[in-house]
Amino acid sequence: MTSATHGTGTSDAEVTNISPHGFWLLLSGRELFVPFEQFPWFRNATVAQIVGVQKLGDDHLYWSSLDVDLSIRSIENPAQFPLVSRGS
């Protein structure tokens, strides 16, 4: 006997683990590490805020409770997307 699949997944992005250094994000069968050093918006976030990720497009992740939008490419290749502050 086999089980039938009911419906489709509700998210193409899932946080699988959180450590003091960052978190792992599962995207379409591959896992990416999001280090707090390179993505400081998540450093003081709660677990509920970090796991509240939504994949809104092929390259668009959004954390509504943190108001953070990220390109998946920026996680894969952070050197190509340097963090720049516009503050004085």
N, C-alpha and C. Protein backbone atom coordinates (compact mmCIF):
# COMPACT_ATOMS: atom_id res chain seq x y z
N MET A 1 0.84 -1.18 0.00
CA MET A 1 0.00 0.00 0.00
C MET A 1 0.88 1.24 0.00
N THR A 2 0.52 2.21 -0.80
CA THR A 2 1.27 3.47 -0.83
C THR A 2 0.34 4.61 -0.47
N SER A 3 0.91 5.64 0.06
CA SER A 3 0.13 6.82 0.42
C SER A 3 0.07 7.77 -0.75
N ALA A 4 -1.08 8.35 -0.95
CA ALA A 4 -1.24 9.34 -2.01
C ALA A 4 -0.78 10.70 -1.50
N THR A 5 -0.25 11.49 -2.39
CA THR A 5 0.15 12.84 -2.04
C THR A 5 -1.09 13.72 -2.04
N HIS A 6 -1.32 14.42 -0.97
CA HIS A 6 -2.47 15.30 -0.87
C HIS A 6 -2.03 16.74 -1.06
N GLY A 7 -2.42 17.35 -2.14
CA GLY A 7 -2.10 18.75 -2.40
C GLY A 7 -0.63 18.95 -2.72
N THR A 8 -0.24 20.21 -2.69
CA THR A 8 1.15 20.56 -2.95
C THR A 8 1.71 21.27 -1.74
N GLY A 9 3.01 21.37 -1.67
CA GLY A 9 3.66 22.07 -0.57
C GLY A 9 3.27 23.54 -0.56
N THR A 10 3.23 24.11 0.63
CA THR A 10 2.82 25.51 0.73
C THR A 10 4.01 26.46 0.67
N SER A 11 5.21 25.93 0.76
CA SER A 11 6.38 26.79 0.73
C SER A 11 7.52 26.10 0.01
N ASP A 12 8.21 26.83 -0.82
CA ASP A 12 9.40 26.30 -1.48
C ASP A 12 10.64 26.65 -0.69
N ALA A 13 10.47 27.29 0.47
CA ALA A 13 11.60 27.67 1.32
C ALA A 13 11.29 27.25 2.74
N GLU A 14 12.28 26.63 3.39
CA GLU A 14 12.09 26.16 4.75
C GLU A 14 13.40 26.29 5.52
N VAL A 15 13.33 26.82 6.73
CA VAL A 15 14.49 26.88 7.60
C VAL A 15 14.60 25.52 8.28
N THR A 16 15.77 24.88 8.15
CA THR A 16 15.94 23.53 8.69
C THR A 16 16.73 23.50 9.99
N ASN A 17 17.51 24.54 10.26
CA ASN A 17 18.32 24.56 11.48
C ASN A 17 18.78 26.00 11.73
N ILE A 18 18.91 26.35 13.01
CA ILE A 18 19.43 27.66 13.40
C ILE A 18 20.54 27.44 14.40
N SER A 19 21.66 28.14 14.21
CA SER A 19 22.79 28.04 15.13
C SER A 19 23.16 29.46 15.58
N PRO A 20 24.09 29.59 16.50
CA PRO A 20 24.54 30.93 16.90
C PRO A 20 25.22 31.70 15.76
N HIS A 21 25.57 31.01 14.67
CA HIS A 21 26.30 31.64 13.57
C HIS A 21 25.43 31.95 12.35
N GLY A 22 24.23 31.39 12.28
CA GLY A 22 23.36 31.60 11.14
C GLY A 22 22.31 30.52 11.07
N PHE A 23 21.71 30.38 9.90
CA PHE A 23 20.69 29.34 9.74
C PHE A 23 20.77 28.72 8.36
N TRP A 24 20.21 27.51 8.25
CA TRP A 24 20.20 26.76 7.00
C TRP A 24 18.82 26.86 6.39
N LEU A 25 18.80 27.13 5.11
CA LEU A 25 17.58 27.35 4.37
C LEU A 25 17.48 26.30 3.26
N LEU A 26 16.41 25.52 3.27
CA LEU A 26 16.18 24.51 2.23
C LEU A 26 15.35 25.13 1.12
N LEU A 27 15.92 25.13 -0.08
CA LEU A 27 15.26 25.72 -1.26
C LEU A 27 15.28 24.72 -2.40
N SER A 28 14.13 24.23 -2.77
CA SER A 28 14.02 23.32 -3.92
C SER A 28 15.02 22.18 -3.86
N GLY A 29 15.14 21.55 -2.70
CA GLY A 29 16.00 20.39 -2.55
C GLY A 29 17.46 20.68 -2.27
N ARG A 30 17.86 21.93 -2.18
CA ARG A 30 19.25 22.25 -1.84
C ARG A 30 19.26 23.12 -0.60
N GLU A 31 20.32 23.00 0.17
CA GLU A 31 20.40 23.72 1.43
C GLU A 31 21.48 24.79 1.35
N LEU A 32 21.13 25.99 1.78
CA LEU A 32 22.05 27.12 1.80
C LEU A 32 22.22 27.61 3.23
N PHE A 33 23.43 28.02 3.59
CA PHE A 33 23.69 28.59 4.90
C PHE A 33 23.61 30.11 4.80
N VAL A 34 22.88 30.72 5.73
CA VAL A 34 22.73 32.17 5.79
C VAL A 34 23.44 32.65 7.05
N PRO A 35 24.70 33.09 6.94
CA PRO A 35 25.46 33.51 8.12
C PRO A 35 25.03 34.89 8.63
N PHE A 36 24.90 35.01 9.95
CA PHE A 36 24.54 36.29 10.55
C PHE A 36 25.59 37.37 10.26
N GLU A 37 26.83 36.96 10.09
CA GLU A 37 27.91 37.90 9.79
C GLU A 37 27.63 38.67 8.48
N GLN A 38 27.11 37.97 7.50
CA GLN A 38 26.84 38.59 6.20
C GLN A 38 25.40 39.08 6.05
N PHE A 39 24.51 38.59 6.91
CA PHE A 39 23.10 38.97 6.86
C PHE A 39 22.65 39.37 8.27
N PRO A 40 23.10 40.53 8.75
CA PRO A 40 22.91 40.93 10.15
C PRO A 40 21.46 41.19 10.55
N TRP A 41 20.54 41.31 9.59
CA TRP A 41 19.13 41.55 9.91
C TRP A 41 18.53 40.42 10.73
N PHE A 42 19.13 39.24 10.65
CA PHE A 42 18.59 38.06 11.33
C PHE A 42 19.24 37.80 12.69
N ARG A 43 20.31 38.49 13.01
CA ARG A 43 21.10 38.20 14.21
C ARG A 43 20.26 38.22 15.49
N ASN A 44 19.40 39.20 15.67
CA ASN A 44 18.60 39.32 16.89
C ASN A 44 17.14 38.94 16.68
N ALA A 45 16.85 38.29 15.57
CA ALA A 45 15.48 37.87 15.27
C ALA A 45 15.11 36.64 16.12
N THR A 46 13.83 36.49 16.36
CA THR A 46 13.35 35.31 17.07
C THR A 46 13.30 34.13 16.10
N VAL A 47 13.18 32.94 16.67
CA VAL A 47 13.04 31.75 15.84
C VAL A 47 11.81 31.88 14.94
N ALA A 48 10.69 32.34 15.52
CA ALA A 48 9.46 32.50 14.73
C ALA A 48 9.66 33.47 13.57
N GLN A 49 10.43 34.52 13.77
CA GLN A 49 10.67 35.47 12.69
C GLN A 49 11.54 34.85 11.60
N ILE A 50 12.56 34.10 11.98
CA ILE A 50 13.46 33.50 10.99
C ILE A 50 12.75 32.43 10.18
N VAL A 51 11.94 31.60 10.81
CA VAL A 51 11.27 30.52 10.07
C VAL A 51 10.09 31.03 9.25
N GLY A 52 9.73 32.29 9.40
CA GLY A 52 8.61 32.86 8.66
C GLY A 52 8.97 33.32 7.27
N VAL A 53 9.78 32.57 6.58
CA VAL A 53 10.24 32.94 5.23
C VAL A 53 9.21 32.52 4.18
N GLN A 54 9.08 33.34 3.16
CA GLN A 54 8.22 33.03 2.02
C GLN A 54 9.04 33.17 0.75
N LYS A 55 8.85 32.24 -0.16
CA LYS A 55 9.49 32.35 -1.48
C LYS A 55 8.47 32.96 -2.42
N LEU A 56 8.71 34.19 -2.84
CA LEU A 56 7.74 34.91 -3.65
C LEU A 56 8.02 34.86 -5.15
N GLY A 57 9.16 34.34 -5.51
CA GLY A 57 9.52 34.22 -6.93
C GLY A 57 10.74 33.33 -7.06
N ASP A 58 11.21 33.15 -8.27
CA ASP A 58 12.36 32.28 -8.50
C ASP A 58 13.59 32.73 -7.72
N ASP A 59 13.74 34.03 -7.50
CA ASP A 59 14.93 34.55 -6.83
C ASP A 59 14.58 35.51 -5.68
N HIS A 60 13.36 35.40 -5.13
CA HIS A 60 12.90 36.38 -4.15
C HIS A 60 12.40 35.70 -2.88
N LEU A 61 13.09 35.99 -1.77
CA LEU A 61 12.67 35.52 -0.45
C LEU A 61 12.23 36.72 0.37
N TYR A 62 11.21 36.51 1.22
CA TYR A 62 10.68 37.61 2.02
C TYR A 62 10.32 37.12 3.42
N TRP A 63 10.79 37.89 4.41
CA TRP A 63 10.46 37.67 5.81
C TRP A 63 9.58 38.85 6.23
N SER A 64 8.26 38.66 6.24
CA SER A 64 7.33 39.78 6.47
C SER A 64 7.48 40.36 7.88
N SER A 65 7.68 39.55 8.90
CA SER A 65 7.78 40.08 10.26
C SER A 65 9.06 40.88 10.49
N LEU A 66 10.05 40.69 9.63
CA LEU A 66 11.31 41.44 9.72
C LEU A 66 11.41 42.50 8.62
N ASP A 67 10.48 42.48 7.67
CA ASP A 67 10.51 43.35 6.50
C ASP A 67 11.85 43.24 5.76
N VAL A 68 12.27 41.99 5.53
CA VAL A 68 13.53 41.70 4.84
C VAL A 68 13.23 40.99 3.53
N ASP A 69 13.73 41.55 2.44
CA ASP A 69 13.68 40.95 1.11
C ASP A 69 15.10 40.56 0.73
N LEU A 70 15.28 39.34 0.23
CA LEU A 70 16.61 38.92 -0.22
C LEU A 70 16.50 38.20 -1.55
N SER A 71 17.50 38.40 -2.35
CA SER A 71 17.69 37.62 -3.56
C SER A 71 18.38 36.32 -3.16
N ILE A 72 17.94 35.22 -3.70
CA ILE A 72 18.60 33.93 -3.43
C ILE A 72 20.04 34.00 -3.92
N ARG A 73 20.27 34.72 -5.00
CA ARG A 73 21.63 34.87 -5.52
C ARG A 73 22.55 35.54 -4.50
N SER A 74 21.99 36.43 -3.66
CA SER A 74 22.83 37.10 -2.66
C SER A 74 23.26 36.14 -1.56
N ILE A 75 22.50 35.09 -1.33
CA ILE A 75 22.89 34.06 -0.36
C ILE A 75 23.92 33.14 -0.99
N GLU A 76 23.71 32.78 -2.24
CA GLU A 76 24.64 31.90 -2.95
C GLU A 76 25.99 32.56 -3.19
N ASN A 77 26.00 33.85 -3.50
CA ASN A 77 27.22 34.58 -3.84
C ASN A 77 27.26 35.93 -3.13
N PRO A 78 27.43 35.96 -1.81
CA PRO A 78 27.36 37.22 -1.07
C PRO A 78 28.42 38.25 -1.50
N ALA A 79 29.54 37.81 -2.04
CA ALA A 79 30.58 38.75 -2.47
C ALA A 79 30.11 39.62 -3.63
N GLN A 80 29.16 39.12 -4.41
CA GLN A 80 28.63 39.90 -5.53
C GLN A 80 27.60 40.93 -5.09
N PHE A 81 27.18 40.85 -3.81
CA PHE A 81 26.16 41.75 -3.27
C PHE A 81 26.66 42.35 -1.96
N PRO A 82 27.66 43.24 -2.01
CA PRO A 82 28.20 43.77 -0.77
C PRO A 82 27.16 44.58 0.02
N LEU A 83 27.21 44.41 1.34
CA LEU A 83 26.32 45.12 2.23
C LEU A 83 26.79 46.57 2.31
N VAL A 84 25.92 47.51 1.93
CA VAL A 84 26.29 48.92 1.93
C VAL A 84 25.27 49.67 2.76
N SER A 85 25.76 50.46 3.71
CA SER A 85 24.88 51.27 4.54
C SER A 85 24.74 52.66 3.95
N ARG A 86 23.53 53.19 3.94
CA ARG A 86 23.29 54.53 3.46
C ARG A 86 23.25 55.52 4.62
N GLY A 87 23.46 55.03 5.84
CA GLY A 87 23.44 55.89 7.02
C GLY A 87 24.69 56.75 7.09
N SER A 88 24.61 57.82 7.89
CA SER A 88 25.78 58.70 7.98
C SER A 88 26.73 58.23 9.06
